[in-house]
Amino acid sequence: MKYKQIKINVAPGHYDELLEKAGDRSIAQYIREQLDIDLKDKPITLKKPKKYYLQTDPMLIYQINKIGTNVNQIAKRLNSGDSVTRITLSVLIEIMSTLKRLIK
């Protein structure tokens, strides 16, 4: 059985009063007792799924970082107004297609 949860807001004074009346019980337990509610089966607490991370090869991360650095240098040079030769453009296209294949 899945239980429903009720949330309410109370003034600080009312909260303190509930704490006092509950004594060593939780406020929820106190309210259940006042309403004559008996939980035969405790609610199931769902645990959050653990996140598993794959260990990545540090050398792969280093190489990807180097590629990013090179791409940034190329972009800076292109944005500075330098002309692009056909060879440079063909190399860039080849790098881009290789990276796309590796990503897939």
PDB file of N, CA and C in Angstrom:
ATOM      1  N   MET A   1       0.850  -1.174   0.000  1.00  0.00           N
ATOM      2  CA  MET A   1       0.000   0.000   0.000  1.00  0.00           C
ATOM      3  C   MET A   1       0.896   1.237   0.000  1.00  0.00           C
ATOM      4  N   LYS A   2       0.530   2.184  -0.817  1.00  0.00           N
ATOM      5  CA  LYS A   2       1.279   3.423  -0.892  1.00  0.00           C
ATOM      6  C   LYS A   2       0.518   4.493  -0.124  1.00  0.00           C
ATOM      7  N   TYR A   3       1.184   5.133   0.801  1.00  0.00           N
ATOM      8  CA  TYR A   3       0.552   6.156   1.625  1.00  0.00           C
ATOM      9  C   TYR A   3       0.643   7.518   0.972  1.00  0.00           C
ATOM     10  N   LYS A   4      -0.278   8.383   1.319  1.00  0.00           N
ATOM     11  CA  LYS A   4      -0.277   9.769   0.861  1.00  0.00           C
ATOM     12  C   LYS A   4       0.369  10.622   1.938  1.00  0.00           C
ATOM     13  N   GLN A   5       1.049  11.647   1.513  1.00  0.00           N
ATOM     14  CA  GLN A   5       1.722  12.530   2.447  1.00  0.00           C
ATOM     15  C   GLN A   5       0.971  13.846   2.533  1.00  0.00           C
ATOM     16  N   ILE A   6       0.872  14.380   3.749  1.00  0.00           N
ATOM     17  CA  ILE A   6       0.208  15.657   3.971  1.00  0.00           C
ATOM     18  C   ILE A   6       1.231  16.631   4.533  1.00  0.00           C
ATOM     19  N   LYS A   7       1.280  17.811   3.964  1.00  0.00           N
ATOM     20  CA  LYS A   7       2.173  18.852   4.464  1.00  0.00           C
ATOM     21  C   LYS A   7       1.334  20.061   4.847  1.00  0.00           C
ATOM     22  N   ILE A   8       1.626  20.630   6.011  1.00  0.00           N
ATOM     23  CA  ILE A   8       0.889  21.814   6.450  1.00  0.00           C
ATOM     24  C   ILE A   8       1.872  22.842   7.002  1.00  0.00           C
ATOM     25  N   ASN A   9       1.464  24.073   6.960  1.00  0.00           N
ATOM     26  CA  ASN A   9       2.244  25.149   7.558  1.00  0.00           C
ATOM     27  C   ASN A   9       1.535  25.600   8.826  1.00  0.00           C
ATOM     28  N   VAL A  10       2.302  25.833   9.870  1.00  0.00           N
ATOM     29  CA  VAL A  10       1.739  26.329  11.124  1.00  0.00           C
ATOM     30  C   VAL A  10       2.614  27.471  11.627  1.00  0.00           C
ATOM     31  N   ALA A  11       2.040  28.302  12.448  1.00  0.00           N
ATOM     32  CA  ALA A  11       2.786  29.404  13.051  1.00  0.00           C
ATOM     33  C   ALA A  11       3.811  28.828  14.024  1.00  0.00           C
ATOM     34  N   PRO A  12       4.899  29.540  14.252  1.00  0.00           N
ATOM     35  CA  PRO A  12       5.927  29.028  15.171  1.00  0.00           C
ATOM     36  C   PRO A  12       5.373  28.646  16.540  1.00  0.00           C
ATOM     37  N   GLY A  13       4.417  29.418  17.060  1.00  0.00           N
ATOM     38  CA  GLY A  13       3.830  29.103  18.359  1.00  0.00           C
ATOM     39  C   GLY A  13       3.080  27.787  18.340  1.00  0.00           C
ATOM     40  N   HIS A  14       2.343  27.535  17.260  1.00  0.00           N
ATOM     41  CA  HIS A  14       1.611  26.271  17.131  1.00  0.00           C
ATOM     42  C   HIS A  14       2.578  25.093  16.987  1.00  0.00           C
ATOM     43  N   TYR A  15       3.662  25.333  16.279  1.00  0.00           N
ATOM     44  CA  TYR A  15       4.668  24.276  16.110  1.00  0.00           C
ATOM     45  C   TYR A  15       5.255  23.899  17.465  1.00  0.00           C
ATOM     46  N   ASP A  16       5.611  24.911  18.239  1.00  0.00           N
ATOM     47  CA  ASP A  16       6.153  24.646  19.576  1.00  0.00           C
ATOM     48  C   ASP A  16       5.152  23.892  20.435  1.00  0.00           C
ATOM     49  N   GLU A  17       3.877  24.240  20.298  1.00  0.00           N
ATOM     50  CA  GLU A  17       2.819  23.554  21.049  1.00  0.00           C
ATOM     51  C   GLU A  17       2.723  22.088  20.626  1.00  0.00           C
ATOM     52  N   LEU A  18       2.806  21.848  19.338  1.00  0.00           N
ATOM     53  CA  LEU A  18       2.780  20.464  18.842  1.00  0.00           C
ATOM     54  C   LEU A  18       3.982  19.674  19.359  1.00  0.00           C
ATOM     55  N   LEU A  19       5.154  20.296  19.336  1.00  0.00           N
ATOM     56  CA  LEU A  19       6.353  19.628  19.848  1.00  0.00           C
ATOM     57  C   LEU A  19       6.180  19.251  21.316  1.00  0.00           C
ATOM     58  N   GLU A  20       5.643  20.169  22.075  1.00  0.00           N
ATOM     59  CA  GLU A  20       5.449  19.940  23.507  1.00  0.00           C
ATOM     60  C   GLU A  20       4.459  18.794  23.749  1.00  0.00           C
ATOM     61  N   LYS A  21       3.351  18.814  23.013  1.00  0.00           N
ATOM     62  CA  LYS A  21       2.338  17.773  23.190  1.00  0.00           C
ATOM     63  C   LYS A  21       2.831  16.412  22.704  1.00  0.00           C
ATOM     64  N   ALA A  22       3.662  16.417  21.664  1.00  0.00           N
ATOM     65  CA  ALA A  22       4.163  15.156  21.110  1.00  0.00           C
ATOM     66  C   ALA A  22       5.135  14.484  22.079  1.00  0.00           C
ATOM     67  N   GLY A  23       5.827  15.272  22.869  1.00  0.00           N
ATOM     68  CA  GLY A  23       6.782  14.698  23.825  1.00  0.00           C
ATOM     69  C   GLY A  23       7.928  14.018  23.118  1.00  0.00           C
ATOM     70  N   ASP A  24       8.134  12.731  23.417  1.00  0.00           N
ATOM     71  CA  ASP A  24       9.247  12.010  22.798  1.00  0.00           C
ATOM     72  C   ASP A  24       8.868  11.373  21.463  1.00  0.00           C
ATOM     73  N   ARG A  25       7.622  11.545  21.045  1.00  0.00           N
ATOM     74  CA  ARG A  25       7.173  11.043  19.739  1.00  0.00           C
ATOM     75  C   ARG A  25       7.411  12.115  18.680  1.00  0.00           C
ATOM     76  N   SER A  26       7.335  11.699  17.434  1.00  0.00           N
ATOM     77  CA  SER A  26       7.386  12.678  16.352  1.00  0.00           C
ATOM     78  C   SER A  26       6.033  13.378  16.269  1.00  0.00           C
ATOM     79  N   ILE A  27       6.032  14.552  15.672  1.00  0.00           N
ATOM     80  CA  ILE A  27       4.766  15.279  15.504  1.00  0.00           C
ATOM     81  C   ILE A  27       3.808  14.452  14.649  1.00  0.00           C
ATOM     82  N   ALA A  28       4.335  13.793  13.628  1.00  0.00           N
ATOM     83  CA  ALA A  28       3.495  12.962  12.760  1.00  0.00           C
ATOM     84  C   ALA A  28       2.840  11.840  13.563  1.00  0.00           C
ATOM     85  N   GLN A  29       3.621  11.191  14.429  1.00  0.00           N
ATOM     86  CA  GLN A  29       3.065  10.109  15.241  1.00  0.00           C
ATOM     87  C   GLN A  29       1.998  10.648  16.192  1.00  0.00           C
ATOM     88  N   TYR A  30       2.248  11.788  16.786  1.00  0.00           N
ATOM     89  CA  TYR A  30       1.279  12.410  17.692  1.00  0.00           C
ATOM     90  C   TYR A  30      -0.044  12.681  16.970  1.00  0.00           C
ATOM     91  N   ILE A  31       0.050  13.248  15.764  1.00  0.00           N
ATOM     92  CA  ILE A  31      -1.166  13.566  14.997  1.00  0.00           C
ATOM     93  C   ILE A  31      -1.897  12.281  14.620  1.00  0.00           C
ATOM     94  N   ARG A  32      -1.150  11.227  14.228  1.00  0.00           N
ATOM     95  CA  ARG A  32      -1.786   9.953  13.899  1.00  0.00           C
ATOM     96  C   ARG A  32      -2.553   9.404  15.101  1.00  0.00           C
ATOM     97  N   GLU A  33      -1.936   9.502  16.281  1.00  0.00           N
ATOM     98  CA  GLU A  33      -2.600   9.019  17.491  1.00  0.00           C
ATOM     99  C   GLU A  33      -3.852   9.833  17.798  1.00  0.00           C
ATOM    100  N   GLN A  34      -3.791  11.147  17.602  1.00  0.00           N
ATOM    101  CA  GLN A  34      -4.956  11.998  17.868  1.00  0.00           C
ATOM    102  C   GLN A  34      -6.106  11.684  16.917  1.00  0.00           C
ATOM    103  N   LEU A  35      -5.750  11.296  15.701  1.00  0.00           N
ATOM    104  CA  LEU A  35      -6.770  10.972  14.701  1.00  0.00           C
ATOM    105  C   LEU A  35      -7.115   9.486  14.692  1.00  0.00           C
ATOM    106  N   ASP A  36      -6.517   8.743  15.599  1.00  0.00           N
ATOM    107  CA  ASP A  36      -6.731   7.300  15.709  1.00  0.00           C
ATOM    108  C   ASP A  36      -6.405   6.584  14.387  1.00  0.00           C
ATOM    109  N   ILE A  37      -5.258   6.945  13.835  1.00  0.00           N
ATOM    110  CA  ILE A  37      -4.780   6.317  12.594  1.00  0.00           C
ATOM    111  C   ILE A  37      -3.665   5.358  12.975  1.00  0.00           C
ATOM    112  N   ASP A  38      -3.811   4.105  12.579  1.00  0.00           N
ATOM    113  CA  ASP A  38      -2.790   3.108  12.863  1.00  0.00           C
ATOM    114  C   ASP A  38      -2.185   2.657  11.538  1.00  0.00           C
ATOM    115  N   LEU A  39      -0.904   2.860  11.406  1.00  0.00           N
ATOM    116  CA  LEU A  39      -0.225   2.403  10.199  1.00  0.00           C
ATOM    117  C   LEU A  39       0.193   0.952  10.416  1.00  0.00           C
ATOM    118  N   LYS A  40      -0.557   0.054   9.815  1.00  0.00           N
ATOM    119  CA  LYS A  40      -0.226  -1.358   9.963  1.00  0.00           C
ATOM    120  C   LYS A  40       1.075  -1.678   9.245  1.00  0.00           C
ATOM    121  N   ASP A  41       1.222  -1.107   8.084  1.00  0.00           N
ATOM    122  CA  ASP A  41       2.453  -1.273   7.316  1.00  0.00           C
ATOM    123  C   ASP A  41       3.099   0.092   7.196  1.00  0.00           C
ATOM    124  N   LYS A  42       4.340   0.162   7.601  1.00  0.00           N
ATOM    125  CA  LYS A  42       5.030   1.443   7.479  1.00  0.00           C
ATOM    126  C   LYS A  42       5.180   1.780   6.007  1.00  0.00           C
ATOM    127  N   PRO A  43       5.129   3.073   5.685  1.00  0.00           N
ATOM    128  CA  PRO A  43       5.308   3.461   4.287  1.00  0.00           C
ATOM    129  C   PRO A  43       6.684   3.040   3.780  1.00  0.00           C
ATOM    130  N   ILE A  44       6.719   2.707   2.521  1.00  0.00           N
ATOM    131  CA  ILE A  44       7.982   2.330   1.893  1.00  0.00           C
ATOM    132  C   ILE A  44       8.743   3.597   1.556  1.00  0.00           C
ATOM    133  N   THR A  45       9.966   3.682   2.036  1.00  0.00           N
ATOM    134  CA  THR A  45      10.811   4.824   1.714  1.00  0.00           C
ATOM    135  C   THR A  45      11.602   4.477   0.461  1.00  0.00           C
ATOM    136  N   LEU A  46      11.388   5.248  -0.571  1.00  0.00           N
ATOM    137  CA  LEU A  46      12.101   5.008  -1.822  1.00  0.00           C
ATOM    138  C   LEU A  46      13.483   5.629  -1.736  1.00  0.00           C
ATOM    139  N   LYS A  47      14.474   4.826  -2.043  1.00  0.00           N
ATOM    140  CA  LYS A  47      15.842   5.342  -2.049  1.00  0.00           C
ATOM    141  C   LYS A  47      16.151   5.898  -3.419  1.00  0.00           C
ATOM    142  N   LYS A  48      16.901   6.981  -3.414  1.00  0.00           N
ATOM    143  CA  LYS A  48      17.329   7.549  -4.688  1.00  0.00           C
ATOM    144  C   LYS A  48      18.334   6.601  -5.328  1.00  0.00           C
ATOM    145  N   PRO A  49      18.223   6.415  -6.637  1.00  0.00           N
ATOM    146  CA  PRO A  49      19.174   5.514  -7.286  1.00  0.00           C
ATOM    147  C   PRO A  49      20.593   6.091  -7.206  1.00  0.00           C
ATOM    148  N   LYS A  50      21.540   5.194  -7.002  1.00  0.00           N
ATOM    149  CA  LYS A  50      22.931   5.641  -6.939  1.00  0.00           C
ATOM    150  C   LYS A  50      23.398   6.006  -8.337  1.00  0.00           C
ATOM    151  N   LYS A  51      24.216   7.011  -8.376  1.00  0.00           N
ATOM    152  CA  LYS A  51      24.790   7.417  -9.664  1.00  0.00           C
ATOM    153  C   LYS A  51      26.134   6.711  -9.814  1.00  0.00           C
ATOM    154  N   TYR A  52      26.270   6.020 -10.913  1.00  0.00           N
ATOM    155  CA  TYR A  52      27.511   5.336 -11.189  1.00  0.00           C
ATOM    156  C   TYR A  52      28.224   6.069 -12.312  1.00  0.00           C
ATOM    157  N   TYR A  53      29.455   6.369 -12.075  1.00  0.00           N
ATOM    158  CA  TYR A  53      30.251   7.072 -13.063  1.00  0.00           C
ATOM    159  C   TYR A  53      31.340   6.132 -13.571  1.00  0.00           C
ATOM    160  N   LEU A  54      31.499   6.152 -14.862  1.00  0.00           N
ATOM    161  CA  LEU A  54      32.559   5.351 -15.445  1.00  0.00           C
ATOM    162  C   LEU A  54      33.885   6.069 -15.258  1.00  0.00           C
ATOM    163  N   GLN A  55      34.908   5.324 -14.968  1.00  0.00           N
ATOM    164  CA  GLN A  55      36.233   5.899 -14.823  1.00  0.00           C
ATOM    165  C   GLN A  55      36.748   6.245 -16.220  1.00  0.00           C
ATOM    166  N   THR A  56      37.153   7.465 -16.414  1.00  0.00           N
ATOM    167  CA  THR A  56      37.658   7.902 -17.711  1.00  0.00           C
ATOM    168  C   THR A  56      39.173   7.953 -17.667  1.00  0.00           C
ATOM    169  N   ASP A  57      39.767   7.483 -18.727  1.00  0.00           N
ATOM    170  CA  ASP A  57      41.219   7.468 -18.831  1.00  0.00           C
ATOM    171  C   ASP A  57      41.748   8.901 -18.789  1.00  0.00           C
ATOM    172  N   PRO A  58      42.635   9.225 -17.843  1.00  0.00           N
ATOM    173  CA  PRO A  58      43.169  10.589 -17.748  1.00  0.00           C
ATOM    174  C   PRO A  58      43.880  11.035 -19.033  1.00  0.00           C
ATOM    175  N   MET A  59      44.487  10.095 -19.730  1.00  0.00           N
ATOM    176  CA  MET A  59      45.181  10.443 -20.983  1.00  0.00           C
ATOM    177  C   MET A  59      44.171  10.879 -22.048  1.00  0.00           C
ATOM    178  N   LEU A  60      42.990  10.248 -22.059  1.00  0.00           N
ATOM    179  CA  LEU A  60      41.941  10.646 -22.996  1.00  0.00           C
ATOM    180  C   LEU A  60      41.482  12.070 -22.702  1.00  0.00           C
ATOM    181  N   ILE A  61      41.290  12.364 -21.433  1.00  0.00           N
ATOM    182  CA  ILE A  61      40.886  13.719 -21.038  1.00  0.00           C
ATOM    183  C   ILE A  61      41.949  14.727 -21.448  1.00  0.00           C
ATOM    184  N   TYR A  62      43.215  14.377 -21.261  1.00  0.00           N
ATOM    185  CA  TYR A  62      44.325  15.256 -21.647  1.00  0.00           C
ATOM    186  C   TYR A  62      44.310  15.528 -23.150  1.00  0.00           C
ATOM    187  N   GLN A  63      44.114  14.462 -23.930  1.00  0.00           N
ATOM    188  CA  GLN A  63      44.112  14.618 -25.392  1.00  0.00           C
ATOM    189  C   GLN A  63      42.919  15.456 -25.864  1.00  0.00           C
ATOM    190  N   ILE A  64      41.758  15.249 -25.260  1.00  0.00           N
ATOM    191  CA  ILE A  64      40.582  16.046 -25.631  1.00  0.00           C
ATOM    192  C   ILE A  64      40.823  17.509 -25.285  1.00  0.00           C
ATOM    193  N   ASN A  65      41.464  17.755 -24.146  1.00  0.00           N
ATOM    194  CA  ASN A  65      41.797  19.122 -23.757  1.00  0.00           C
ATOM    195  C   ASN A  65      42.737  19.765 -24.774  1.00  0.00           C
ATOM    196  N   LYS A  66      43.707  18.997 -25.260  1.00  0.00           N
ATOM    197  CA  LYS A  66      44.637  19.518 -26.273  1.00  0.00           C
ATOM    198  C   LYS A  66      43.896  19.875 -27.558  1.00  0.00           C
ATOM    199  N   ILE A  67      42.938  19.030 -27.948  1.00  0.00           N
ATOM    200  CA  ILE A  67      42.146  19.310 -29.150  1.00  0.00           C
ATOM    201  C   ILE A  67      41.389  20.616 -28.962  1.00  0.00           C
ATOM    202  N   GLY A  68      40.772  20.781 -27.782  1.00  0.00           N
ATOM    203  CA  GLY A  68      40.038  22.016 -27.502  1.00  0.00           C
ATOM    204  C   GLY A  68      40.928  23.240 -27.561  1.00  0.00           C
ATOM    205  N   THR A  69      42.131  23.118 -27.020  1.00  0.00           N
ATOM    206  CA  THR A  69      43.085  24.229 -27.058  1.00  0.00           C
ATOM    207  C   THR A  69      43.432  24.582 -28.497  1.00  0.00           C
ATOM    208  N   ASN A  70      43.674  23.577 -29.316  1.00  0.00           N
ATOM    209  CA  ASN A  70      44.006  23.819 -30.729  1.00  0.00           C
ATOM    210  C   ASN A  70      42.840  24.473 -31.467  1.00  0.00           C
ATOM    211  N   VAL A  71      41.626  24.014 -31.205  1.00  0.00           N
ATOM    212  CA  VAL A  71      40.453  24.596 -31.856  1.00  0.00           C
ATOM    213  C   VAL A  71      40.317  26.069 -31.448  1.00  0.00           C
ATOM    214  N   ASN A  72      40.560  26.368 -30.182  1.00  0.00           N
ATOM    215  CA  ASN A  72      40.493  27.763 -29.728  1.00  0.00           C
ATOM    216  C   ASN A  72      41.546  28.626 -30.413  1.00  0.00           C
ATOM    217  N   GLN A  73      42.741  28.084 -30.588  1.00  0.00           N
ATOM    218  CA  GLN A  73      43.801  28.840 -31.274  1.00  0.00           C
ATOM    219  C   GLN A  73      43.429  29.087 -32.737  1.00  0.00           C
ATOM    220  N   ILE A  74      42.845  28.086 -33.379  1.00  0.00           N
ATOM    221  CA  ILE A  74      42.408  28.238 -34.774  1.00  0.00           C
ATOM    222  C   ILE A  74      41.319  29.303 -34.866  1.00  0.00           C
ATOM    223  N   ALA A  75      40.353  29.245 -33.949  1.00  0.00           N
ATOM    224  CA  ALA A  75      39.264  30.222 -33.965  1.00  0.00           C
ATOM    225  C   ALA A  75      39.799  31.633 -33.742  1.00  0.00           C
ATOM    226  N   LYS A  76      40.747  31.769 -32.839  1.00  0.00           N
ATOM    227  CA  LYS A  76      41.326  33.094 -32.569  1.00  0.00           C
ATOM    228  C   LYS A  76      42.016  33.630 -33.808  1.00  0.00           C
ATOM    229  N   ARG A  77      42.752  32.766 -34.478  1.00  0.00           N
ATOM    230  CA  ARG A  77      43.470  33.198 -35.676  1.00  0.00           C
ATOM    231  C   ARG A  77      42.509  33.588 -36.799  1.00  0.00           C
ATOM    232  N   LEU A  78      41.438  32.785 -36.953  1.00  0.00           N
ATOM    233  CA  LEU A  78      40.459  33.087 -37.998  1.00  0.00           C
ATOM    234  C   LEU A  78      39.725  34.390 -37.689  1.00  0.00           C
ATOM    235  N   ASN A  79      39.427  34.621 -36.408  1.00  0.00           N
ATOM    236  CA  ASN A  79      38.725  35.840 -36.026  1.00  0.00           C
ATOM    237  C   ASN A  79      39.599  37.087 -36.090  1.00  0.00           C
ATOM    238  N   SER A  80      40.915  36.891 -36.140  1.00  0.00           N
ATOM    239  CA  SER A  80      41.816  38.044 -36.211  1.00  0.00           C
ATOM    240  C   SER A  80      41.937  38.583 -37.633  1.00  0.00           C
ATOM    241  N   GLY A  81      41.335  37.879 -38.595  1.00  0.00           N
ATOM    242  CA  GLY A  81      41.335  38.371 -39.971  1.00  0.00           C
ATOM    243  C   GLY A  81      42.359  37.698 -40.857  1.00  0.00           C
ATOM    244  N   ASP A  82      43.099  36.727 -40.327  1.00  0.00           N
ATOM    245  CA  ASP A  82      44.068  36.008 -41.165  1.00  0.00           C
ATOM    246  C   ASP A  82      43.320  35.220 -42.237  1.00  0.00           C
ATOM    247  N   SER A  83      43.942  35.133 -43.393  1.00  0.00           N
ATOM    248  CA  SER A  83      43.296  34.388 -44.475  1.00  0.00           C
ATOM    249  C   SER A  83      43.485  32.891 -44.250  1.00  0.00           C
ATOM    250  N   VAL A  84      42.557  32.121 -44.802  1.00  0.00           N
ATOM    251  CA  VAL A  84      42.589  30.676 -44.655  1.00  0.00           C
ATOM    252  C   VAL A  84      42.945  30.066 -45.992  1.00  0.00           C
ATOM    253  N   THR A  85      43.951  29.211 -45.973  1.00  0.00           N
ATOM    254  CA  THR A  85      44.335  28.540 -47.219  1.00  0.00           C
ATOM    255  C   THR A  85      43.457  27.304 -47.393  1.00  0.00           C
ATOM    256  N   ARG A  86      43.458  26.786 -48.609  1.00  0.00           N
ATOM    257  CA  ARG A  86      42.683  25.586 -48.894  1.00  0.00           C
ATOM    258  C   ARG A  86      43.193  24.411 -48.053  1.00  0.00           C
ATOM    259  N   ILE A  87      44.478  24.350 -47.850  1.00  0.00           N
ATOM    260  CA  ILE A  87      45.063  23.244 -47.074  1.00  0.00           C
ATOM    261  C   ILE A  87      44.564  23.307 -45.626  1.00  0.00           C
ATOM    262  N   THR A  88      44.601  24.516 -45.057  1.00  0.00           N
ATOM    263  CA  THR A  88      44.139  24.684 -43.679  1.00  0.00           C
ATOM    264  C   THR A  88      42.681  24.289 -43.559  1.00  0.00           C
ATOM    265  N   LEU A  89      41.868  24.731 -44.509  1.00  0.00           N
ATOM    266  CA  LEU A  89      40.444  24.425 -44.484  1.00  0.00           C
ATOM    267  C   LEU A  89      40.200  22.925 -44.634  1.00  0.00           C
ATOM    268  N   SER A  90      40.929  22.255 -45.505  1.00  0.00           N
ATOM    269  CA  SER A  90      40.743  20.821 -45.695  1.00  0.00           C
ATOM    270  C   SER A  90      41.172  20.042 -44.448  1.00  0.00           C
ATOM    271  N   VAL A  91      42.232  20.501 -43.782  1.00  0.00           N
ATOM    272  CA  VAL A  91      42.667  19.848 -42.547  1.00  0.00           C
ATOM    273  C   VAL A  91      41.603  20.016 -41.458  1.00  0.00           C
ATOM    274  N   LEU A  92      41.026  21.209 -41.356  1.00  0.00           N
ATOM    275  CA  LEU A  92      39.977  21.461 -40.362  1.00  0.00           C
ATOM    276  C   LEU A  92      38.758  20.572 -40.623  1.00  0.00           C
ATOM    277  N   ILE A  93      38.386  20.437 -41.876  1.00  0.00           N
ATOM    278  CA  ILE A  93      37.239  19.596 -42.228  1.00  0.00           C
ATOM    279  C   ILE A  93      37.531  18.135 -41.895  1.00  0.00           C
ATOM    280  N   GLU A  94      38.758  17.705 -42.147  1.00  0.00           N
ATOM    281  CA  GLU A  94      39.140  16.325 -41.830  1.00  0.00           C
ATOM    282  C   GLU A  94      39.105  16.083 -40.311  1.00  0.00           C
ATOM    283  N   ILE A  95      39.610  17.040 -39.541  1.00  0.00           N
ATOM    284  CA  ILE A  95      39.588  16.931 -38.077  1.00  0.00           C
ATOM    285  C   ILE A  95      38.147  16.866 -37.580  1.00  0.00           C
ATOM    286  N   MET A  96      37.291  17.717 -38.130  1.00  0.00           N
ATOM    287  CA  MET A  96      35.896  17.751 -37.708  1.00  0.00           C
ATOM    288  C   MET A  96      35.194  16.421 -38.003  1.00  0.00           C
ATOM    289  N   SER A  97      35.421  15.860 -39.177  1.00  0.00           N
ATOM    290  CA  SER A  97      34.763  14.597 -39.509  1.00  0.00           C
ATOM    291  C   SER A  97      35.302  13.450 -38.647  1.00  0.00           C
ATOM    292  N   THR A  98      36.600  13.477 -38.335  1.00  0.00           N
ATOM    293  CA  THR A  98      37.180  12.442 -37.458  1.00  0.00           C
ATOM    294  C   THR A  98      36.576  12.526 -36.066  1.00  0.00           C
ATOM    295  N   LEU A  99      36.445  13.740 -35.533  1.00  0.00           N
ATOM    296  CA  LEU A  99      35.858  13.932 -34.202  1.00  0.00           C
ATOM    297  C   LEU A  99      34.395  13.474 -34.180  1.00  0.00           C
ATOM    298  N   LYS A 100      33.655  13.760 -35.253  1.00  0.00           N
ATOM    299  CA  LYS A 100      32.264  13.319 -35.306  1.00  0.00           C
ATOM    300  C   LYS A 100      32.166  11.793 -35.273  1.00  0.00           C
ATOM    301  N   ARG A 101      33.073  11.126 -36.003  1.00  0.00           N
ATOM    302  CA  ARG A 101      33.077   9.655 -36.006  1.00  0.00           C
ATOM    303  C   ARG A 101      33.429   9.110 -34.626  1.00  0.00           C
ATOM    304  N   LEU A 102      34.387   9.756 -33.949  1.00  0.00           N
ATOM    305  CA  LEU A 102      34.805   9.284 -32.631  1.00  0.00           C
ATOM    306  C   LEU A 102      33.715   9.477 -31.587  1.00  0.00           C
ATOM    307  N   ILE A 103      32.954  10.545 -31.715  1.00  0.00           N
ATOM    308  CA  ILE A 103      31.894  10.834 -30.754  1.00  0.00           C
ATOM    309  C   ILE A 103      30.773   9.803 -30.867  1.00  0.00           C
ATOM    310  N   LYS A 104      30.461   9.377 -32.085  1.00  0.00           N
ATOM    311  CA  LYS A 104      29.409   8.384 -32.290  1.00  0.00           C
ATOM    312  C   LYS A 104      29.913   7.066 -31.857  1.00  0.00           C
TER     313      LYS A 104
END
